[in-house]
Protein backbone atom coordinates (compact mmCIF):
# COMPACT_ATOMS: atom_id res chain seq x y z
CA MET A 1 0.00 0.00 0.00
CA ARG A 2 1.04 3.59 -0.55
CA PHE A 3 -0.35 4.75 2.81
CA ARG A 4 -1.20 8.20 1.52
CA MET A 5 -2.21 10.98 3.90
CA GLY A 6 -4.50 13.99 3.95
CA VAL A 7 -5.35 16.69 6.46
CA GLU A 8 -8.45 18.59 7.54
CA GLU A 9 -7.64 21.89 9.23
CA GLU A 10 -10.09 24.01 11.21
CA PHE A 11 -9.64 27.78 11.45
CA HIS A 12 -11.16 30.45 13.67
CA VAL A 13 -12.59 33.41 11.76
CA VAL A 14 -11.68 36.67 13.51
CA ASP A 15 -12.06 40.37 12.88
CA ALA A 16 -8.69 41.62 11.64
CA GLU A 17 -8.96 44.89 13.60
CA THR A 18 -10.34 43.80 16.95
CA GLY A 19 -9.13 40.18 17.09
CA LEU A 20 -12.61 39.06 18.13
CA LEU A 21 -14.02 35.75 16.97
CA VAL A 22 -16.89 36.45 14.57
CA PRO A 23 -19.61 34.15 13.10
CA GLU A 24 -18.62 34.96 9.51
CA ALA A 25 -17.59 31.58 8.08
CA PRO A 26 -20.62 31.53 5.71
CA VAL A 27 -19.48 34.84 4.21
CA LEU A 28 -16.08 33.38 3.39
CA LEU A 29 -17.53 30.14 2.04
CA ASP A 30 -19.38 32.12 -0.61
CA ASP A 31 -16.01 32.95 -2.18
CA LEU A 32 -14.21 29.63 -1.65
CA PRO A 33 -14.30 26.36 -3.64
CA SER A 34 -16.87 24.06 -2.06
CA ASP A 35 -14.80 20.94 -2.71
CA ARG A 36 -12.01 22.17 -0.43
CA PHE A 37 -13.76 24.31 2.21
CA THR A 38 -16.79 23.68 4.42
CA GLY A 39 -18.56 25.20 7.38
CA GLU A 40 -18.48 23.66 10.83
CA PHE A 41 -20.73 23.31 13.86
CA GLN A 42 -19.99 26.86 15.00
CA LEU A 43 -20.30 29.75 12.55
CA GLY A 44 -16.95 31.14 13.69
CA VAL A 45 -15.06 28.12 12.32
CA ILE A 46 -14.20 27.12 8.76
CA GLU A 47 -12.62 23.83 7.67
CA SER A 48 -10.29 23.05 4.79
CA GLN A 49 -9.66 19.64 3.25
CA SER A 50 -6.34 18.85 1.63
CA GLY A 51 -5.77 16.54 -1.27
CA VAL A 52 -4.33 13.07 -0.76
CA HIS A 53 -0.52 12.91 -0.80
CA ASP A 54 2.36 10.44 -0.75
CA SER A 55 4.95 12.78 0.79
CA PRO A 56 5.12 15.39 3.57
CA ALA A 57 6.54 17.89 1.05
CA ALA A 58 3.51 17.57 -1.24
CA LEU A 59 1.14 17.78 1.72
CA ARG A 60 2.91 20.89 2.98
CA ALA A 61 2.65 22.64 -0.39
CA ASP A 62 -1.09 21.89 -0.43
CA LEU A 63 -1.66 23.24 3.08
CA VAL A 64 0.40 26.38 2.43
CA GLY A 65 -1.65 27.07 -0.69
CA THR A 66 -4.89 26.52 1.21
CA ARG A 67 -3.90 28.95 3.95
CA ARG A 68 -2.93 31.58 1.38
CA THR A 69 -6.28 31.21 -0.36
CA LEU A 70 -8.10 31.63 2.94
CA ASP A 71 -6.01 34.65 3.88
CA LYS A 72 -6.69 36.36 0.55
CA VAL A 73 -10.45 35.84 0.73
CA ALA A 74 -10.68 36.80 4.41
CA SER A 75 -8.56 39.96 4.07
CA GLN A 76 -10.91 41.29 1.38
CA ARG A 77 -13.64 41.40 4.02
CA GLY A 78 -11.62 42.78 6.92
CA LEU A 79 -11.25 39.32 8.42
CA THR A 80 -8.47 36.84 9.02
CA VAL A 81 -8.29 33.19 9.99
CA VAL A 82 -6.32 31.61 12.80
CA ALA A 83 -5.17 28.00 13.16
CA ALA A 84 -5.06 27.32 16.91
CA GLY A 85 -6.98 25.19 19.37
CA THR A 86 -8.61 28.29 20.87
CA VAL A 87 -8.48 32.05 20.52
CA PRO A 88 -8.56 34.26 23.63
CA LEU A 89 -11.27 36.75 22.60
CA VAL A 90 -14.70 35.14 22.28
CA PRO A 91 -17.67 37.50 22.71
CA ALA A 92 -21.17 36.13 23.13
CA SER A 93 -22.04 37.52 19.70
CA SER A 94 -19.53 35.12 18.08
CA ARG A 95 -21.67 32.09 18.87
CA GLY A 96 -24.02 30.60 16.34
CA PHE A 97 -24.57 27.25 14.66
CA GLY A 98 -24.49 26.18 11.04
CA PRO A 99 -27.78 25.86 9.14
CA ASP A 100 -27.60 22.07 8.83
CA ILE A 101 -30.58 20.50 10.63
CA ARG A 102 -28.15 18.11 12.34
CA TYR A 103 -26.34 21.05 13.92
CA THR A 104 -29.62 22.58 15.03
CA GLU A 105 -30.64 19.36 16.73
CA MET A 106 -27.24 18.99 18.40
CA ALA A 107 -27.40 22.57 19.71
CA GLY A 108 -30.82 21.86 21.23
CA GLU A 109 -29.76 18.57 22.80
CA TYR A 110 -26.37 19.54 24.20
CA GLN A 111 -27.06 23.16 25.18
CA ALA A 112 -24.06 24.72 27.01
CA LEU A 113 -21.77 21.91 25.85
CA ALA A 114 -22.55 22.88 22.26
CA ASP A 115 -22.22 26.60 23.00
CA GLU A 116 -18.67 26.22 24.24
CA GLN A 117 -17.32 24.31 21.23
CA LEU A 118 -15.44 27.37 19.97
CA ILE A 119 -12.39 25.24 19.32
CA CYS A 120 -10.36 24.07 16.33
CA GLY A 121 -8.50 20.86 15.63
CA ALA A 122 -6.38 19.31 12.90
CA GLN A 123 -7.41 15.86 11.67
CA VAL A 124 -5.09 13.54 9.74
CA HIS A 125 -6.28 10.69 7.49
CA VAL A 126 -3.99 7.81 6.49
CA ASP A 127 -4.81 4.94 4.12
CA VAL A 128 -5.46 1.51 5.60
CA PRO A 129 -5.93 -1.82 3.79
CA ASP A 130 -9.50 -2.37 5.03
CA ARG A 131 -11.91 -1.49 7.82
CA ASP A 132 -11.13 -4.57 9.91
CA THR A 133 -7.45 -3.64 9.94
CA ALA A 134 -8.32 -0.04 10.82
CA VAL A 135 -10.31 -1.09 13.87
CA ARG A 136 -7.72 -3.62 15.06
CA ALA A 137 -4.92 -1.08 14.60
CA MET A 138 -6.46 1.51 16.93
CA PRO A 139 -5.20 0.07 20.25
CA TRP A 140 -1.67 -0.11 18.81
CA LEU A 141 -1.84 3.61 18.10
CA SER A 142 -3.63 4.86 21.20
CA PRO A 143 -0.73 4.96 23.70
CA TRP A 144 1.30 7.26 21.41
CA LEU A 145 -1.46 9.69 20.44
CA PRO A 146 -1.05 11.93 23.52
CA VAL A 147 2.52 12.60 22.35
CA LEU A 148 1.12 13.96 19.07
CA LEU A 149 -1.25 16.12 21.10
CA ALA A 150 1.71 17.55 23.01
CA LEU A 151 3.46 18.41 19.75
CA SER A 152 0.36 20.26 18.52
CA ALA A 153 -0.66 22.01 21.76
CA SER A 154 -1.68 25.59 20.91
CA SER A 155 -4.57 26.55 23.17
CA PRO A 156 -3.45 27.94 26.54
CA PHE A 157 -6.00 30.80 26.55
CA TRP A 158 -9.77 30.71 27.01
CA GLN A 159 -12.26 33.53 27.54
CA GLY A 160 -9.55 36.12 28.16
CA ALA A 161 -7.54 34.10 30.68
CA ASP A 162 -4.58 31.73 30.85
CA THR A 163 -5.95 28.29 31.70
CA GLY A 164 -2.65 26.81 32.86
CA PHE A 165 -3.04 24.12 30.20
CA ALA A 166 -1.13 23.79 26.94
CA SER A 167 -4.26 22.46 25.21
CA TRP A 168 -7.44 23.77 26.78
CA ARG A 169 -9.20 22.70 23.58
CA THR A 170 -8.68 19.11 24.75
CA MET A 171 -10.46 19.79 28.04
CA VAL A 172 -13.41 21.37 26.22
CA TRP A 173 -13.54 18.62 23.59
CA GLN A 174 -13.48 15.77 26.10
CA ARG A 175 -16.79 16.89 27.57
CA TRP A 176 -18.56 15.17 24.67
CA PRO A 177 -19.90 11.78 25.81
CA SER A 178 -18.15 9.95 22.96
CA ALA A 179 -14.73 11.67 23.17
CA GLY A 180 -11.53 10.11 24.54
CA PRO A 181 -9.47 7.00 23.84
CA ALA A 182 -10.71 4.52 21.26
CA GLY A 183 -11.65 1.08 22.52
CA THR A 184 -10.31 -2.35 21.56
CA TYR A 185 -12.40 -4.38 19.15
CA ALA A 186 -11.85 -7.73 17.44
CA SER A 187 -13.40 -6.64 14.14
CA ALA A 188 -15.11 -3.84 12.29
CA ALA A 189 -18.43 -5.59 12.88
CA GLU A 190 -17.85 -5.50 16.64
CA TYR A 191 -16.88 -1.82 16.47
CA ASP A 192 -19.94 -0.95 14.37
CA ALA A 193 -22.19 -2.81 16.80
CA ALA A 194 -20.77 -0.79 19.69
CA VAL A 195 -21.43 2.43 17.76
CA ASP A 196 -24.99 1.30 17.04
CA ASP A 197 -25.52 0.58 20.75
CA LEU A 198 -24.36 4.08 21.62
CA ILE A 199 -26.73 5.62 19.05
CA ARG A 200 -29.63 3.56 20.40
CA SER A 201 -28.85 4.86 23.87
CA GLY A 202 -29.79 8.34 22.66
CA VAL A 203 -26.59 9.87 24.05
CA ILE A 204 -25.35 10.54 20.51
CA THR A 205 -27.43 10.90 17.37
CA ASP A 206 -25.27 9.33 14.66
CA ALA A 207 -21.90 7.72 13.90
CA GLY A 208 -20.45 11.13 12.99
CA MET A 209 -20.55 11.94 16.71
CA ILE A 210 -17.94 9.30 17.55
CA TYR A 211 -15.28 11.75 18.73
CA THR A 212 -12.60 9.33 19.87
CA ASP A 213 -8.91 10.21 19.53
CA VAL A 214 -8.65 7.94 16.49
CA ARG A 215 -11.43 6.34 14.47
CA PRO A 216 -12.01 4.55 11.18
CA SER A 217 -13.44 6.96 8.66
CA ALA A 218 -17.10 6.37 7.86
CA HIS A 219 -16.64 7.33 4.19
CA GLN A 220 -13.04 6.50 3.27
CA LYS A 221 -10.66 3.58 3.74
CA THR A 222 -8.59 5.53 6.27
CA LEU A 223 -7.79 5.90 9.93
CA GLU A 224 -8.47 9.39 11.22
CA LEU A 225 -6.44 11.12 13.94
CA ARG A 226 -8.60 13.52 15.95
CA ILE A 227 -6.65 14.30 19.12
CA CYS A 228 -4.60 17.29 17.94
CA ASP A 229 -5.06 21.05 18.26
CA ALA A 230 -5.09 23.12 15.12
CA CYS A 231 -1.52 24.38 14.66
CA PRO A 232 -0.44 27.95 13.88
CA ASP A 233 2.75 26.64 12.26
CA VAL A 234 1.92 24.59 9.17
CA ASP A 235 5.12 22.60 9.61
CA THR A 236 3.82 21.20 12.90
CA VAL A 237 0.76 19.84 11.09
CA VAL A 238 2.98 18.21 8.46
CA LEU A 239 5.21 16.74 11.17
CA VAL A 240 2.22 15.24 12.98
CA ALA A 241 0.90 13.81 9.70
CA ALA A 242 4.22 12.14 8.87
CA LEU A 243 4.51 10.68 12.38
CA PHE A 244 0.92 9.44 12.35
CA ARG A 245 1.44 7.77 8.99
CA ALA A 246 4.44 5.88 10.34
CA MET A 247 2.39 4.83 13.37
CA VAL A 248 -0.44 3.59 11.17
CA VAL A 249 1.95 1.60 8.97
CA ASP A 250 3.54 -0.07 11.99
CA ALA A 251 0.15 -0.77 13.57
CA CYS A 252 -1.22 -2.33 10.37
CA GLU A 253 1.86 -4.53 10.08
CA ALA A 254 1.45 -5.63 13.71
CA VAL A 255 -2.17 -6.53 13.03
CA ALA A 256 -1.22 -8.45 9.88
CA ARG A 257 1.35 -10.60 11.67
CA ARG A 258 -0.94 -11.08 14.70
CA ALA A 259 1.64 -9.66 17.08
CA PRO A 260 0.69 -9.75 20.78
CA LEU A 261 -0.73 -6.43 21.94
CA ARG A 262 0.51 -5.01 25.24
CA PRO A 263 -2.65 -4.06 27.12
CA VAL A 264 -2.93 -0.45 28.27
CA THR A 265 -5.90 0.53 30.39
CA HIS A 266 -8.47 3.11 29.40
CA GLU A 267 -7.63 4.97 32.60
CA TRP A 268 -3.93 5.21 31.68
CA LEU A 269 -4.80 6.50 28.22
CA ARG A 270 -7.02 9.21 29.69
CA ALA A 271 -4.29 10.13 32.15
CA ALA A 272 -1.72 10.34 29.35
CA THR A 273 -4.00 12.64 27.35
CA TRP A 274 -4.64 14.82 30.38
CA ARG A 275 -0.91 15.07 31.03
CA ALA A 276 -0.20 16.07 27.43
CA ALA A 277 -2.98 18.67 27.48
CA ARG A 278 -1.69 20.10 30.74
CA SER A 279 2.03 20.20 29.98
CA GLY A 280 2.50 20.16 26.22
CA LEU A 281 6.24 19.86 25.57
CA GLU A 282 7.18 21.80 28.68
CA GLY A 283 6.74 19.15 31.36
CA ASP A 284 6.47 15.42 31.74
CA LEU A 285 4.54 13.12 29.44
CA LEU A 286 3.58 9.51 30.11
CA ASP A 287 5.94 7.19 28.25
CA PRO A 288 4.12 4.29 26.54
CA THR A 289 7.24 2.13 26.76
CA THR A 290 7.38 2.31 30.56
CA LEU A 291 3.92 3.65 31.49
CA GLU A 292 5.78 6.12 33.73
CA PRO A 293 6.20 9.91 33.54
CA ALA A 294 9.32 11.24 31.80
CA PRO A 295 10.43 14.60 30.39
CA ALA A 296 8.58 15.40 27.19
CA HIS A 297 11.69 15.54 25.03
CA ARG A 298 12.67 12.06 26.17
CA VAL A 299 9.24 10.61 25.33
CA VAL A 300 9.21 12.34 21.93
CA CYS A 301 12.66 10.95 21.16
CA SER A 302 11.53 7.50 22.27
CA MET A 303 8.67 7.76 19.79
CA LEU A 304 11.03 8.75 16.97
CA LYS A 305 13.37 5.88 17.78
CA HIS A 306 10.41 3.52 17.65
CA LEU A 307 9.27 4.91 14.27
CA ARG A 308 12.68 5.42 12.65
CA PRO A 309 12.70 2.28 10.46
CA THR A 310 9.33 3.16 8.94
CA LEU A 311 10.16 6.84 8.56
CA THR A 312 13.38 5.83 6.82
CA ALA A 313 11.55 3.46 4.49
CA PHE A 314 9.29 6.33 3.38
CA GLY A 315 12.25 8.71 2.99
CA ASP A 316 10.90 10.88 5.81
CA TRP A 317 13.46 10.32 8.56
CA HIS A 318 15.76 13.31 8.02
CA SER A 319 12.98 15.88 7.54
CA VAL A 320 10.97 14.53 10.47
CA ALA A 321 13.99 14.41 12.78
CA ALA A 322 14.99 17.96 11.85
CA ALA A 323 11.43 19.24 12.31
CA THR A 324 11.13 17.50 15.67
CA ASP A 325 14.41 18.94 16.92
CA ALA A 326 13.32 22.42 15.82
CA LEU A 327 10.00 22.07 17.65
CA LEU A 328 11.60 20.71 20.82
CA ALA A 329 14.10 23.59 20.83
CA SER A 330 11.43 26.24 20.24
CA GLY A 331 8.84 24.70 22.53
CA SER A 332 5.16 24.13 21.93
CA ALA A 333 3.03 26.83 20.36
CA ALA A 334 1.36 27.15 23.77
CA ARG A 335 4.67 28.07 25.41
CA ARG A 336 5.54 30.56 22.68
CA LEU A 337 2.12 32.19 23.00
CA ARG A 338 2.50 32.47 26.76
CA THR A 339 5.90 34.12 26.33
CA ALA A 340 4.44 36.62 23.88
CA ALA A 341 1.47 37.32 26.15
CA PHE A 342 3.70 38.44 29.01
CA ASP A 343 3.82 42.00 27.67
CA SER A 344 1.16 41.95 24.92
CA SER A 345 -2.58 42.52 24.68
CA TRP A 346 -4.99 39.78 23.69
CA ARG A 347 -5.45 41.60 20.41
CA ASP A 348 -1.68 41.35 19.83
CA ILE A 349 -1.77 37.61 20.58
CA VAL A 350 -4.51 37.07 18.01
CA GLY A 351 -2.47 39.09 15.52
CA LEU A 352 0.55 36.90 16.23
CA LEU A 353 -1.53 33.76 15.69
CA ALA A 354 -2.80 35.12 12.39
CA ASP A 355 0.74 35.98 11.29
CA LEU A 356 1.97 32.49 12.20
CA THR A 357 -0.95 30.88 10.37
CA HIS A 358 0.01 32.62 7.12
CA ALA A 359 3.79 32.82 7.52
CA ALA A 360 4.90 29.60 5.83
CA GLU A 361 7.52 29.91 3.11
CA ASP A 362 7.41 27.88 -0.08
CA GLU A 363 10.42 25.79 0.88
CA TYR A 364 10.66 24.17 4.28
CA GLU A 365 13.74 24.72 6.39
CA PRO A 366 13.58 23.91 10.13
CA ARG A 367 14.45 27.06 12.09
CA PRO A 368 14.45 26.57 15.84
CA SER A 369 14.09 29.77 17.87
CA ALA A 370 16.45 28.38 20.52
CA PRO A 371 19.69 26.38 20.34
CA ILE A 372 19.41 22.65 19.73
CA THR A 373 21.26 20.90 22.55
CA GLU A 374 21.86 17.36 23.72
CA ALA A 375 18.79 17.71 25.93
CA ASN A 376 16.39 18.42 23.07
CA THR A 377 17.71 16.61 20.03
CA CYS A 378 16.38 13.28 18.78
CA VAL A 379 19.06 12.81 16.12
CA ALA A 380 21.56 10.19 17.20
């Protein structure tokens, strides 16, 4: 298999002058191609869909082009878009739900939970051989997904305050009854039966409301990563996509050879996600190889060591290692935003996020904002 990958990115729509979130996604959609851009649950969010790509370089070029298109259309209306888990300035007037009857019904059923979903994520799709393999691969992936969350963490601010978390979006998102770690199932039929049971319970309305950290796509032969924040830096999205692809390849191979699966409890997985959301790259993470806490850079490097053969086989090792080192040296987007917020207004922070969202150059060159040292490099 080629194990191609694609990305869906969600963006906040904000007023370019005030930095306030505004419910203007429908206005932008009028001027954007409908095959690449869609509305979301909240009217202040717009989603883009990439093409399907074999290489991180091709995926990156696609995402950069998409962001430039969005920026051009938004700027013509005095707006801009921001790729981040949350934005700090969210007035009551920014709330509003898309016209789809499904969204209307969800808003009525979930009330305040629906109101607060002013958050954005980045979803990655990777090819899988078949739906049975996709379902059986999920528990192989789950222990490492919180590490990808830590790499993407970009949402420390909420409602004009610092939450203390690197990814507050995660804490908001996990309030859905179907969010969190994916379960372990023997087959696609068993998974689908569990989804049907949940729908019959009335707690969710349809299979599209399965909001687990990873899930088999309902419409494509892919596994979909859903745990990550939207990322201001497009290169972080590409890094996460390349890492997730390698994880999926390894997981599918493990399923094919019927390798024994090391059991990890649901409680540990939730704890690992909480830890990643709290600390990002600036504290401990839970290491899937030991099930113990360890400094984030050590856990990230452990992940890269684990994935190196597959990354090398795809020709991705050098670019992924360089991008990882650059991110570890610079710190998570959450840390960089906190540093900037020390002597800046919320409006300035939104402006910085907008600048970062649209700052990507045509050619990728990792540029850490701090020295790469023995303590933060994964390149042996």
